[in-house]
N, C-alpha and C. Protein backbone atom coordinates (compact mmCIF):
# COMPACT_ATOMS: atom_id res chain seq x y z
N UNK A 1 -1.62 106.65 -53.89
CA UNK A 1 -1.14 107.01 -52.55
C UNK A 1 0.37 106.94 -52.53
N UNK A 2 1.02 107.92 -51.92
CA UNK A 2 2.47 108.00 -51.92
C UNK A 2 3.05 107.00 -50.94
N UNK A 3 4.31 106.50 -51.26
CA UNK A 3 4.94 105.47 -50.45
C UNK A 3 5.24 105.94 -49.05
N UNK A 4 5.50 107.25 -48.87
CA UNK A 4 5.90 107.73 -47.55
C UNK A 4 4.73 107.70 -46.56
N UNK A 5 3.53 107.42 -47.06
CA UNK A 5 2.38 107.33 -46.16
C UNK A 5 2.15 105.89 -45.68
N UNK A 6 2.82 104.94 -46.29
CA UNK A 6 2.66 103.54 -45.89
C UNK A 6 3.42 103.30 -44.59
N UNK A 7 2.73 102.76 -43.61
CA UNK A 7 3.35 102.45 -42.31
C UNK A 7 3.33 100.94 -42.12
N UNK A 8 4.50 100.34 -41.94
CA UNK A 8 4.61 98.90 -41.78
C UNK A 8 4.80 98.56 -40.30
N UNK A 9 3.94 97.70 -39.79
CA UNK A 9 4.00 97.30 -38.38
C UNK A 9 3.83 95.79 -38.30
N UNK A 10 4.85 95.13 -37.81
CA UNK A 10 4.80 93.68 -37.56
C UNK A 10 4.34 92.90 -38.79
N UNK A 11 4.85 93.30 -39.97
CA UNK A 11 4.52 92.59 -41.20
C UNK A 11 3.28 93.09 -41.91
N UNK A 12 2.55 94.03 -41.32
CA UNK A 12 1.37 94.60 -41.95
C UNK A 12 1.71 95.99 -42.50
N UNK A 13 1.33 96.25 -43.76
CA UNK A 13 1.58 97.55 -44.39
C UNK A 13 0.27 98.33 -44.41
N UNK A 14 0.25 99.43 -43.67
CA UNK A 14 -0.96 100.25 -43.57
C UNK A 14 -0.81 101.48 -44.48
N UNK A 15 -1.68 101.55 -45.47
CA UNK A 15 -1.67 102.68 -46.40
C UNK A 15 -2.43 103.87 -45.83
N UNK A 16 -3.25 103.61 -44.83
CA UNK A 16 -3.96 104.69 -44.16
C UNK A 16 -3.12 105.15 -42.97
N UNK A 17 -2.62 106.37 -42.96
CA UNK A 17 -1.75 106.84 -41.89
C UNK A 17 -2.39 106.76 -40.50
N UNK A 18 -3.70 107.04 -40.45
CA UNK A 18 -4.38 106.99 -39.15
C UNK A 18 -4.38 105.58 -38.58
N UNK A 19 -4.73 104.63 -39.45
CA UNK A 19 -4.73 103.23 -39.01
C UNK A 19 -3.32 102.76 -38.69
N UNK A 20 -2.34 103.19 -39.49
CA UNK A 20 -0.96 102.81 -39.24
C UNK A 20 -0.46 103.31 -37.90
N UNK A 21 -0.81 104.55 -37.54
CA UNK A 21 -0.41 105.11 -36.24
C UNK A 21 -1.04 104.33 -35.09
N UNK A 22 -2.29 103.96 -35.30
CA UNK A 22 -2.97 103.18 -34.26
C UNK A 22 -2.31 101.81 -34.11
N UNK A 23 -1.90 101.21 -35.23
CA UNK A 23 -1.23 99.91 -35.20
C UNK A 23 0.10 100.00 -34.45
N UNK A 24 0.82 101.13 -34.64
CA UNK A 24 2.08 101.33 -33.90
C UNK A 24 1.85 101.37 -32.39
N UNK A 25 0.79 102.06 -31.97
CA UNK A 25 0.46 102.14 -30.54
C UNK A 25 0.10 100.74 -30.00
N UNK A 26 -0.64 99.99 -30.82
CA UNK A 26 -1.02 98.65 -30.39
C UNK A 26 0.21 97.75 -30.25
N UNK A 27 1.17 97.91 -31.16
CA UNK A 27 2.39 97.11 -31.08
C UNK A 27 3.17 97.43 -29.80
N UNK A 28 3.20 98.70 -29.43
CA UNK A 28 3.88 99.09 -28.18
C UNK A 28 3.17 98.47 -26.98
N UNK A 29 1.84 98.49 -27.01
CA UNK A 29 1.07 97.88 -25.92
C UNK A 29 1.33 96.38 -25.84
N UNK A 30 1.42 95.74 -27.00
CA UNK A 30 1.68 94.29 -27.04
C UNK A 30 3.04 93.97 -26.44
N UNK A 31 4.04 94.74 -26.78
CA UNK A 31 5.38 94.51 -26.24
C UNK A 31 5.41 94.66 -24.72
N UNK A 32 4.64 95.64 -24.22
CA UNK A 32 4.57 95.82 -22.77
C UNK A 32 3.86 94.63 -22.10
N UNK A 33 2.74 94.21 -22.70
CA UNK A 33 1.99 93.09 -22.13
C UNK A 33 2.83 91.81 -22.12
N UNK A 34 3.59 91.58 -23.18
CA UNK A 34 4.41 90.38 -23.28
C UNK A 34 5.44 90.28 -22.15
N UNK A 35 5.91 91.43 -21.70
CA UNK A 35 6.89 91.43 -20.60
C UNK A 35 6.25 90.99 -19.28
N UNK A 36 4.93 91.20 -19.18
CA UNK A 36 4.24 90.86 -17.93
C UNK A 36 3.66 89.44 -17.96
N UNK A 37 3.54 88.87 -19.15
CA UNK A 37 2.83 87.59 -19.28
C UNK A 37 3.70 86.41 -18.87
N UNK A 38 3.01 85.37 -18.34
CA UNK A 38 3.62 84.07 -18.07
C UNK A 38 2.72 83.03 -18.73
N UNK A 39 3.14 82.52 -19.89
CA UNK A 39 2.30 81.60 -20.64
C UNK A 39 2.09 80.27 -19.93
N UNK A 40 2.94 79.96 -18.95
CA UNK A 40 2.75 78.72 -18.18
C UNK A 40 1.57 78.83 -17.22
N UNK A 41 1.23 80.07 -16.83
CA UNK A 41 0.09 80.29 -15.94
C UNK A 41 -1.15 80.53 -16.80
N UNK A 42 -1.76 79.44 -17.25
CA UNK A 42 -2.89 79.56 -18.19
C UNK A 42 -4.09 80.25 -17.57
N UNK A 43 -4.25 80.14 -16.25
CA UNK A 43 -5.39 80.79 -15.59
C UNK A 43 -5.28 82.31 -15.71
N UNK A 44 -4.10 82.86 -15.40
CA UNK A 44 -3.90 84.31 -15.52
C UNK A 44 -3.93 84.75 -16.97
N UNK A 45 -3.36 83.92 -17.84
CA UNK A 45 -3.35 84.25 -19.27
C UNK A 45 -4.77 84.33 -19.81
N UNK A 46 -5.63 83.40 -19.40
CA UNK A 46 -7.03 83.42 -19.84
C UNK A 46 -7.74 84.67 -19.35
N UNK A 47 -7.52 85.04 -18.09
CA UNK A 47 -8.17 86.22 -17.53
C UNK A 47 -7.76 87.48 -18.29
N UNK A 48 -6.47 87.61 -18.59
CA UNK A 48 -5.98 88.79 -19.31
C UNK A 48 -6.51 88.82 -20.74
N UNK A 49 -6.51 87.66 -21.39
CA UNK A 49 -7.01 87.59 -22.77
C UNK A 49 -8.48 88.01 -22.83
N UNK A 50 -9.30 87.42 -21.96
CA UNK A 50 -10.73 87.75 -21.97
C UNK A 50 -10.96 89.23 -21.66
N UNK A 51 -10.13 89.80 -20.79
CA UNK A 51 -10.26 91.22 -20.47
C UNK A 51 -9.94 92.09 -21.68
N UNK A 52 -8.88 91.75 -22.41
CA UNK A 52 -8.50 92.52 -23.60
C UNK A 52 -9.59 92.42 -24.67
N UNK A 53 -10.20 91.22 -24.80
CA UNK A 53 -11.25 91.04 -25.80
C UNK A 53 -12.50 91.82 -25.41
N UNK A 54 -12.89 91.71 -24.14
CA UNK A 54 -14.11 92.38 -23.67
C UNK A 54 -14.00 93.90 -23.80
N UNK A 55 -12.84 94.44 -23.47
CA UNK A 55 -12.64 95.89 -23.53
C UNK A 55 -12.31 96.39 -24.93
N UNK A 56 -12.18 95.46 -25.89
CA UNK A 56 -11.86 95.82 -27.28
C UNK A 56 -10.62 96.74 -27.33
N UNK A 57 -9.56 96.22 -26.77
CA UNK A 57 -8.33 97.02 -26.69
C UNK A 57 -7.68 97.21 -28.06
N UNK A 58 -7.92 96.28 -28.99
CA UNK A 58 -7.25 96.36 -30.29
C UNK A 58 -8.26 96.54 -31.42
N UNK A 59 -7.83 97.30 -32.44
CA UNK A 59 -8.74 97.60 -33.55
C UNK A 59 -8.08 97.38 -34.91
N UNK A 60 -6.81 97.03 -34.93
CA UNK A 60 -6.12 96.83 -36.20
C UNK A 60 -5.68 95.37 -36.32
N UNK A 61 -5.18 95.03 -37.51
CA UNK A 61 -4.73 93.66 -37.77
C UNK A 61 -3.60 93.24 -36.83
N UNK A 62 -2.81 94.19 -36.40
CA UNK A 62 -1.70 93.89 -35.48
C UNK A 62 -2.25 93.34 -34.16
N UNK A 63 -3.24 94.05 -33.60
CA UNK A 63 -3.83 93.62 -32.34
C UNK A 63 -4.62 92.33 -32.48
N UNK A 64 -5.39 92.21 -33.59
CA UNK A 64 -6.16 91.00 -33.80
C UNK A 64 -5.26 89.78 -33.95
N UNK A 65 -4.14 89.96 -34.64
CA UNK A 65 -3.20 88.85 -34.82
C UNK A 65 -2.63 88.40 -33.48
N UNK A 66 -2.36 89.36 -32.62
CA UNK A 66 -1.82 89.05 -31.29
C UNK A 66 -2.85 88.29 -30.45
N UNK A 67 -4.09 88.78 -30.46
CA UNK A 67 -5.15 88.09 -29.73
C UNK A 67 -5.35 86.67 -30.24
N UNK A 68 -5.28 86.52 -31.57
CA UNK A 68 -5.47 85.18 -32.15
C UNK A 68 -4.38 84.21 -31.71
N UNK A 69 -3.15 84.71 -31.58
CA UNK A 69 -2.05 83.83 -31.15
C UNK A 69 -2.28 83.35 -29.72
N UNK A 70 -2.79 84.24 -28.85
CA UNK A 70 -3.08 83.83 -27.47
C UNK A 70 -4.26 82.86 -27.45
N UNK A 71 -5.28 83.15 -28.27
CA UNK A 71 -6.45 82.27 -28.33
C UNK A 71 -6.05 80.86 -28.75
N UNK A 72 -5.21 80.76 -29.79
CA UNK A 72 -4.76 79.43 -30.26
C UNK A 72 -3.99 78.70 -29.17
N UNK A 73 -3.18 79.43 -28.43
CA UNK A 73 -2.40 78.80 -27.34
C UNK A 73 -3.33 78.26 -26.26
N UNK A 74 -4.35 79.05 -25.89
CA UNK A 74 -5.29 78.61 -24.86
C UNK A 74 -6.12 77.41 -25.34
N UNK A 75 -6.49 77.40 -26.62
CA UNK A 75 -7.27 76.30 -27.17
C UNK A 75 -6.51 74.98 -27.08
N UNK A 76 -5.20 75.03 -27.22
CA UNK A 76 -4.39 73.82 -27.19
C UNK A 76 -3.99 73.42 -25.77
N UNK A 77 -4.29 74.28 -24.79
CA UNK A 77 -3.94 73.98 -23.39
C UNK A 77 -5.07 73.22 -22.72
N UNK A 78 -5.00 73.12 -21.38
CA UNK A 78 -6.02 72.39 -20.63
C UNK A 78 -7.22 73.27 -20.27
N UNK A 79 -7.28 74.48 -20.80
CA UNK A 79 -8.38 75.40 -20.51
C UNK A 79 -9.65 74.94 -21.25
N UNK A 80 -10.79 75.04 -20.59
CA UNK A 80 -12.07 74.70 -21.20
C UNK A 80 -12.36 75.68 -22.34
N UNK A 81 -12.50 75.20 -23.58
CA UNK A 81 -12.73 76.12 -24.72
C UNK A 81 -13.97 76.99 -24.55
N UNK A 82 -14.93 76.51 -23.76
CA UNK A 82 -16.18 77.26 -23.60
C UNK A 82 -15.97 78.60 -22.90
N UNK A 83 -14.89 78.75 -22.11
CA UNK A 83 -14.67 79.99 -21.37
C UNK A 83 -13.73 80.94 -22.11
N UNK A 84 -13.28 80.54 -23.28
CA UNK A 84 -12.38 81.40 -24.07
C UNK A 84 -13.23 82.29 -24.98
N UNK A 85 -13.12 83.60 -24.78
CA UNK A 85 -13.93 84.55 -25.55
C UNK A 85 -13.52 84.56 -27.03
N UNK A 86 -14.51 84.76 -27.92
CA UNK A 86 -14.21 84.94 -29.34
C UNK A 86 -13.78 86.38 -29.58
N UNK A 87 -13.00 86.56 -30.61
CA UNK A 87 -12.46 87.89 -30.91
C UNK A 87 -13.47 88.65 -31.78
N UNK A 88 -14.02 89.76 -31.28
CA UNK A 88 -14.99 90.53 -32.07
C UNK A 88 -14.28 91.38 -33.13
N UNK A 89 -14.81 91.38 -34.34
CA UNK A 89 -14.24 92.16 -35.43
C UNK A 89 -15.25 93.24 -35.82
N UNK A 90 -14.85 94.51 -35.69
CA UNK A 90 -15.74 95.62 -36.03
C UNK A 90 -15.98 95.64 -37.53
N UNK A 91 -17.24 95.90 -37.92
CA UNK A 91 -17.58 95.93 -39.35
C UNK A 91 -17.98 97.33 -39.80
N UNK A 92 -17.68 98.34 -38.96
CA UNK A 92 -18.08 99.71 -39.30
C UNK A 92 -17.34 100.19 -40.53
N UNK A 93 -18.11 100.74 -41.48
CA UNK A 93 -17.50 101.24 -42.71
C UNK A 93 -16.59 102.42 -42.45
N UNK A 94 -16.80 103.10 -41.33
CA UNK A 94 -15.97 104.26 -41.03
C UNK A 94 -14.54 103.86 -40.74
N UNK A 95 -14.31 102.58 -40.36
CA UNK A 95 -12.97 102.14 -40.03
C UNK A 95 -12.21 101.69 -41.27
N UNK A 96 -12.87 101.64 -42.41
CA UNK A 96 -12.24 101.15 -43.63
C UNK A 96 -12.01 102.32 -44.59
N UNK A 97 -10.80 102.45 -45.04
CA UNK A 97 -10.47 103.49 -46.03
C UNK A 97 -10.71 102.91 -47.41
N UNK A 98 -11.73 103.42 -48.08
CA UNK A 98 -12.09 102.86 -49.38
C UNK A 98 -10.99 103.01 -50.41
N UNK A 99 -10.05 103.94 -50.17
CA UNK A 99 -8.97 104.16 -51.13
C UNK A 99 -7.77 103.26 -50.88
N UNK A 100 -7.85 102.43 -49.83
CA UNK A 100 -6.69 101.61 -49.49
C UNK A 100 -6.73 100.26 -50.19
N UNK A 101 -7.79 99.98 -50.91
CA UNK A 101 -7.91 98.71 -51.61
C UNK A 101 -8.11 98.97 -53.10
N UNK A 102 -7.51 98.11 -53.94
CA UNK A 102 -7.70 98.21 -55.38
C UNK A 102 -8.81 97.28 -55.86
N UNK A 103 -9.14 96.29 -55.03
CA UNK A 103 -10.18 95.33 -55.41
C UNK A 103 -11.55 95.89 -55.09
N UNK A 104 -12.54 95.28 -55.70
CA UNK A 104 -13.93 95.67 -55.44
C UNK A 104 -14.30 95.35 -54.00
N UNK A 105 -15.13 96.20 -53.36
CA UNK A 105 -15.48 96.04 -51.95
C UNK A 105 -16.21 94.72 -51.71
N UNK A 106 -17.03 94.27 -52.65
CA UNK A 106 -17.77 93.02 -52.48
C UNK A 106 -16.82 91.83 -52.40
N UNK A 107 -15.75 91.85 -53.21
CA UNK A 107 -14.77 90.78 -53.18
C UNK A 107 -14.04 90.75 -51.86
N UNK A 108 -13.74 91.95 -51.33
CA UNK A 108 -13.06 92.03 -50.04
C UNK A 108 -13.92 91.45 -48.93
N UNK A 109 -15.20 91.79 -48.95
CA UNK A 109 -16.10 91.27 -47.93
C UNK A 109 -16.22 89.75 -48.02
N UNK A 110 -16.25 89.25 -49.26
CA UNK A 110 -16.36 87.80 -49.45
C UNK A 110 -15.13 87.08 -48.90
N UNK A 111 -13.95 87.68 -49.12
CA UNK A 111 -12.71 87.08 -48.61
C UNK A 111 -12.71 87.09 -47.08
N UNK A 112 -13.16 88.21 -46.50
CA UNK A 112 -13.23 88.28 -45.05
C UNK A 112 -14.20 87.25 -44.49
N UNK A 113 -15.33 87.07 -45.21
CA UNK A 113 -16.32 86.09 -44.76
C UNK A 113 -15.75 84.68 -44.82
N UNK A 114 -15.02 84.36 -45.89
CA UNK A 114 -14.39 83.05 -46.02
C UNK A 114 -13.37 82.82 -44.91
N UNK A 115 -12.56 83.84 -44.65
CA UNK A 115 -11.54 83.72 -43.60
C UNK A 115 -12.20 83.51 -42.23
N UNK A 116 -13.29 84.23 -42.01
CA UNK A 116 -13.99 84.09 -40.73
C UNK A 116 -14.56 82.68 -40.58
N UNK A 117 -15.15 82.15 -41.67
CA UNK A 117 -15.69 80.80 -41.61
C UNK A 117 -14.59 79.78 -41.37
N UNK A 118 -13.44 80.01 -42.00
CA UNK A 118 -12.31 79.09 -41.82
C UNK A 118 -11.83 79.11 -40.37
N UNK A 119 -11.74 80.31 -39.80
CA UNK A 119 -11.30 80.44 -38.40
C UNK A 119 -12.31 79.78 -37.45
N UNK A 120 -13.60 79.97 -37.76
CA UNK A 120 -14.63 79.37 -36.91
C UNK A 120 -14.56 77.85 -36.95
N UNK A 121 -14.35 77.31 -38.17
CA UNK A 121 -14.21 75.85 -38.28
C UNK A 121 -12.99 75.36 -37.53
N UNK A 122 -11.90 76.12 -37.62
CA UNK A 122 -10.67 75.74 -36.91
C UNK A 122 -10.90 75.74 -35.40
N UNK A 123 -11.57 76.77 -34.91
CA UNK A 123 -11.85 76.84 -33.46
C UNK A 123 -12.78 75.71 -33.03
N UNK A 124 -13.78 75.41 -33.87
CA UNK A 124 -14.71 74.31 -33.53
C UNK A 124 -13.98 72.98 -33.48
N UNK A 125 -13.04 72.78 -34.42
CA UNK A 125 -12.27 71.53 -34.43
C UNK A 125 -11.45 71.38 -33.16
N UNK A 126 -10.83 72.48 -32.74
CA UNK A 126 -10.00 72.44 -31.52
C UNK A 126 -10.87 72.14 -30.30
N UNK A 127 -12.04 72.80 -30.23
CA UNK A 127 -12.95 72.55 -29.11
C UNK A 127 -13.40 71.09 -29.08
N UNK A 128 -13.72 70.55 -30.25
CA UNK A 128 -14.17 69.16 -30.34
C UNK A 128 -13.07 68.20 -29.89
N UNK A 129 -11.83 68.47 -30.32
CA UNK A 129 -10.71 67.60 -29.93
C UNK A 129 -10.47 67.65 -28.43
N UNK A 130 -10.59 68.84 -27.85
CA UNK A 130 -10.41 68.96 -26.39
C UNK A 130 -11.48 68.16 -25.64
N UNK A 131 -12.73 68.26 -26.12
CA UNK A 131 -13.81 67.49 -25.48
C UNK A 131 -13.55 65.99 -25.62
N UNK A 132 -13.09 65.57 -26.80
CA UNK A 132 -12.82 64.14 -27.02
C UNK A 132 -11.71 63.65 -26.09
N UNK A 133 -10.66 64.47 -25.90
CA UNK A 133 -9.58 64.07 -24.98
C UNK A 133 -10.10 63.89 -23.57
N UNK A 134 -10.98 64.80 -23.13
CA UNK A 134 -11.53 64.70 -21.78
C UNK A 134 -12.41 63.46 -21.63
N UNK A 135 -13.21 63.16 -22.66
CA UNK A 135 -14.07 61.98 -22.60
C UNK A 135 -13.25 60.70 -22.58
N UNK A 136 -12.19 60.65 -23.39
CA UNK A 136 -11.32 59.46 -23.42
C UNK A 136 -10.67 59.25 -22.06
N UNK A 137 -10.21 60.35 -21.44
CA UNK A 137 -9.58 60.25 -20.11
C UNK A 137 -10.56 59.72 -19.07
N UNK A 138 -11.82 60.23 -19.11
CA UNK A 138 -12.83 59.75 -18.16
C UNK A 138 -13.15 58.28 -18.38
N UNK A 139 -13.25 57.88 -19.66
CA UNK A 139 -13.56 56.48 -19.97
C UNK A 139 -12.46 55.54 -19.49
N UNK A 140 -11.20 55.97 -19.61
CA UNK A 140 -10.10 55.14 -19.14
C UNK A 140 -10.17 54.94 -17.63
N UNK A 141 -10.49 56.01 -16.89
CA UNK A 141 -10.59 55.89 -15.43
C UNK A 141 -11.73 54.94 -15.05
N UNK A 142 -12.88 55.07 -15.76
CA UNK A 142 -14.01 54.20 -15.46
C UNK A 142 -13.69 52.74 -15.79
N UNK A 143 -12.95 52.50 -16.86
CA UNK A 143 -12.58 51.14 -17.22
C UNK A 143 -11.69 50.52 -16.16
N UNK A 144 -10.74 51.29 -15.62
CA UNK A 144 -9.86 50.78 -14.58
C UNK A 144 -10.65 50.41 -13.33
N UNK A 145 -11.61 51.28 -12.95
CA UNK A 145 -12.44 51.00 -11.78
C UNK A 145 -13.29 49.75 -12.01
N UNK A 146 -13.83 49.60 -13.22
CA UNK A 146 -14.68 48.44 -13.52
C UNK A 146 -13.87 47.14 -13.44
N UNK A 147 -12.66 47.15 -14.00
CA UNK A 147 -11.82 45.95 -13.97
C UNK A 147 -11.47 45.58 -12.53
N UNK A 148 -11.12 46.59 -11.71
CA UNK A 148 -10.79 46.32 -10.31
C UNK A 148 -11.99 45.72 -9.57
N UNK A 149 -13.19 46.25 -9.82
CA UNK A 149 -14.39 45.75 -9.17
C UNK A 149 -14.67 44.30 -9.58
N UNK A 150 -14.51 43.98 -10.85
CA UNK A 150 -14.75 42.62 -11.34
C UNK A 150 -13.78 41.64 -10.71
N UNK A 151 -12.49 42.02 -10.65
CA UNK A 151 -11.47 41.13 -10.05
C UNK A 151 -11.79 40.85 -8.59
N UNK A 152 -12.14 41.91 -7.84
CA UNK A 152 -12.47 41.73 -6.42
C UNK A 152 -13.69 40.84 -6.25
N UNK A 153 -14.70 41.01 -7.09
CA UNK A 153 -15.91 40.19 -7.01
C UNK A 153 -15.59 38.72 -7.27
N UNK A 154 -14.76 38.45 -8.27
CA UNK A 154 -14.39 37.07 -8.60
C UNK A 154 -13.64 36.42 -7.43
N UNK A 155 -12.71 37.16 -6.83
CA UNK A 155 -11.95 36.62 -5.70
C UNK A 155 -12.87 36.29 -4.53
N UNK A 156 -13.84 37.17 -4.25
CA UNK A 156 -14.77 36.93 -3.16
C UNK A 156 -15.64 35.70 -3.42
N UNK A 157 -16.12 35.54 -4.66
CA UNK A 157 -16.94 34.38 -5.00
C UNK A 157 -16.16 33.09 -4.84
N UNK A 158 -14.91 33.08 -5.31
CA UNK A 158 -14.06 31.89 -5.19
C UNK A 158 -13.80 31.55 -3.72
N UNK A 159 -13.53 32.56 -2.91
CA UNK A 159 -13.25 32.35 -1.49
C UNK A 159 -14.46 31.76 -0.77
N UNK A 160 -15.64 32.33 -1.02
CA UNK A 160 -16.86 31.83 -0.38
C UNK A 160 -17.15 30.40 -0.81
N UNK A 161 -16.98 30.10 -2.10
CA UNK A 161 -17.19 28.75 -2.60
C UNK A 161 -16.25 27.75 -1.95
N UNK A 162 -14.99 28.15 -1.81
CA UNK A 162 -14.01 27.25 -1.19
C UNK A 162 -14.38 26.96 0.26
N UNK A 163 -14.88 27.98 0.97
CA UNK A 163 -15.28 27.78 2.37
C UNK A 163 -16.41 26.77 2.48
N UNK A 164 -17.41 26.84 1.56
CA UNK A 164 -18.52 25.88 1.60
C UNK A 164 -18.04 24.46 1.28
N UNK A 165 -17.13 24.33 0.32
CA UNK A 165 -16.61 23.01 -0.04
C UNK A 165 -15.87 22.38 1.13
N UNK A 166 -15.04 23.18 1.80
CA UNK A 166 -14.28 22.67 2.94
C UNK A 166 -15.22 22.25 4.06
N UNK A 167 -16.25 23.05 4.30
CA UNK A 167 -17.19 22.75 5.38
C UNK A 167 -17.97 21.47 5.11
N UNK A 168 -18.29 21.20 3.85
CA UNK A 168 -19.11 20.04 3.50
C UNK A 168 -18.31 18.75 3.36
N UNK A 169 -17.02 18.84 3.05
CA UNK A 169 -16.22 17.64 2.79
C UNK A 169 -15.30 17.26 3.93
N UNK A 170 -15.08 18.10 4.87
CA UNK A 170 -14.14 17.81 5.94
C UNK A 170 -14.74 16.86 6.96
N UNK A 171 -13.94 15.84 7.43
CA UNK A 171 -14.38 14.90 8.46
C UNK A 171 -14.10 15.42 9.86
N UNK A 172 -13.33 16.45 9.98
CA UNK A 172 -12.99 16.99 11.29
C UNK A 172 -14.12 17.87 11.80
N UNK A 173 -14.33 17.94 13.12
CA UNK A 173 -15.38 18.79 13.70
C UNK A 173 -15.14 20.25 13.36
N UNK A 174 -16.20 20.93 13.04
CA UNK A 174 -16.13 22.37 12.81
C UNK A 174 -17.06 23.05 13.78
N UNK A 175 -17.09 24.36 13.72
CA UNK A 175 -17.96 25.13 14.61
C UNK A 175 -19.42 24.74 14.40
N UNK A 176 -19.78 24.39 13.13
CA UNK A 176 -21.16 24.09 12.81
C UNK A 176 -21.62 22.73 13.34
N UNK A 177 -20.71 21.69 13.35
CA UNK A 177 -21.15 20.35 13.74
C UNK A 177 -20.40 19.82 14.97
N UNK A 178 -19.70 20.68 15.68
CA UNK A 178 -18.88 20.23 16.80
C UNK A 178 -19.75 19.61 17.91
N UNK A 179 -20.88 20.23 18.22
CA UNK A 179 -21.75 19.73 19.30
C UNK A 179 -22.31 18.35 18.95
N UNK A 180 -22.71 18.18 17.69
CA UNK A 180 -23.25 16.89 17.26
C UNK A 180 -22.22 15.79 17.35
N UNK A 181 -20.97 16.08 16.97
CA UNK A 181 -19.90 15.08 17.04
C UNK A 181 -19.65 14.64 18.47
N UNK A 182 -19.64 15.60 19.42
CA UNK A 182 -19.40 15.27 20.82
C UNK A 182 -20.52 14.38 21.36
N UNK A 183 -21.79 14.70 21.03
CA UNK A 183 -22.92 13.90 21.51
C UNK A 183 -22.82 12.46 21.01
N UNK A 184 -22.42 12.30 19.73
CA UNK A 184 -22.27 10.95 19.18
C UNK A 184 -21.18 10.17 19.89
N UNK A 185 -20.09 10.85 20.21
CA UNK A 185 -19.00 10.17 20.92
C UNK A 185 -19.42 9.73 22.32
N UNK A 186 -20.13 10.62 23.05
CA UNK A 186 -20.59 10.26 24.40
C UNK A 186 -21.55 9.06 24.35
N UNK A 187 -22.45 9.05 23.36
CA UNK A 187 -23.40 7.92 23.24
C UNK A 187 -22.65 6.62 22.97
N UNK A 188 -21.62 6.68 22.15
CA UNK A 188 -20.83 5.49 21.85
C UNK A 188 -20.12 4.97 23.09
N UNK A 189 -19.54 5.93 23.88
CA UNK A 189 -18.86 5.51 25.12
C UNK A 189 -19.83 4.86 26.10
N UNK A 190 -21.06 5.41 26.20
CA UNK A 190 -22.04 4.87 27.14
C UNK A 190 -22.44 3.44 26.76
N UNK A 191 -22.64 3.22 25.45
CA UNK A 191 -22.98 1.87 24.99
C UNK A 191 -21.85 0.88 25.28
N UNK A 192 -20.65 1.34 25.10
CA UNK A 192 -19.49 0.45 25.36
C UNK A 192 -19.42 0.08 26.83
N UNK A 193 -19.68 1.06 27.72
CA UNK A 193 -19.65 0.78 29.17
C UNK A 193 -20.75 -0.20 29.56
N UNK A 194 -21.93 -0.01 29.02
CA UNK A 194 -23.04 -0.91 29.33
C UNK A 194 -22.73 -2.34 28.89
N UNK A 195 -22.09 -2.49 27.73
CA UNK A 195 -21.73 -3.81 27.24
C UNK A 195 -20.71 -4.47 28.16
N UNK A 196 -19.74 -3.67 28.63
CA UNK A 196 -18.72 -4.22 29.52
C UNK A 196 -19.33 -4.66 30.86
N UNK A 197 -20.27 -3.83 31.37
CA UNK A 197 -20.92 -4.19 32.64
C UNK A 197 -21.71 -5.50 32.49
N UNK A 198 -22.35 -5.66 31.34
CA UNK A 198 -23.11 -6.89 31.10
C UNK A 198 -22.19 -8.10 31.05
N UNK A 199 -21.04 -7.94 30.42
CA UNK A 199 -20.08 -9.05 30.35
C UNK A 199 -19.56 -9.42 31.73
N UNK A 200 -19.31 -8.40 32.57
CA UNK A 200 -18.81 -8.67 33.92
C UNK A 200 -19.85 -9.41 34.75
N UNK A 201 -21.12 -9.02 34.61
CA UNK A 201 -22.19 -9.69 35.37
C UNK A 201 -22.29 -11.17 34.96
N UNK A 202 -22.16 -11.42 33.68
CA UNK A 202 -22.21 -12.80 33.21
C UNK A 202 -21.07 -13.62 33.81
N UNK A 203 -19.87 -13.04 33.84
CA UNK A 203 -18.71 -13.75 34.38
C UNK A 203 -18.88 -14.02 35.87
N UNK A 204 -19.45 -13.03 36.58
CA UNK A 204 -19.67 -13.21 38.02
C UNK A 204 -20.67 -14.36 38.28
N UNK A 205 -21.73 -14.42 37.50
CA UNK A 205 -22.73 -15.48 37.67
C UNK A 205 -22.10 -16.83 37.39
N UNK A 206 -21.26 -16.92 36.39
CA UNK A 206 -20.61 -18.18 36.08
C UNK A 206 -19.68 -18.62 37.21
N UNK A 207 -18.99 -17.67 37.82
CA UNK A 207 -18.08 -17.99 38.92
C UNK A 207 -18.86 -18.49 40.13
N UNK A 208 -20.02 -17.87 40.38
CA UNK A 208 -20.83 -18.28 41.54
C UNK A 208 -21.37 -19.69 41.33
N UNK A 209 -21.73 -20.00 40.11
CA UNK A 209 -22.26 -21.32 39.83
C UNK A 209 -21.19 -22.38 40.03
N UNK A 210 -20.04 -22.14 39.66
CA UNK A 210 -18.93 -23.06 39.86
C UNK A 210 -18.60 -23.22 41.32
């Protein structure tokens, strides 16, 4: 194949002119999309990414590479990995120019399969790490609530215990025994008065006898 047919786009060299032209169009579309994107708005970024994947907007390595960069960014953000679409790769033989490769087709397929498995493992690792971070965050919140509940319970138990100790050891009248204390005092005063009256009567009798 002659060198003038090789089309280089974003680091990819396309020996098939048709595929190279399509890659150029995809690069133009990517540049336009980048001007509209705000990577800080992960919600809008996710919606646009999923739309591009669902509509299969890209068919060359240039487009797939761009989608993969957005996917990796979303995986590392606070977005739930379960809602991030996987990138579909067409396997139609019509899209592959058999003259564009010097290696045997079986070797090429094996390399693609290895790369796909590697990407899948990478995506699974990211999803697992995101789930672990969420679980750790939830566990920390539950631990804080548990500690607060235990402290409050201990304070309440100590307070109630102190109240019972004070009520049982205090010599001063309380709401619980105030009526009983008053009755005892009145009975004591009555006995004292009766004793005094008896003493006076005795003295009066002695005076009369004299």
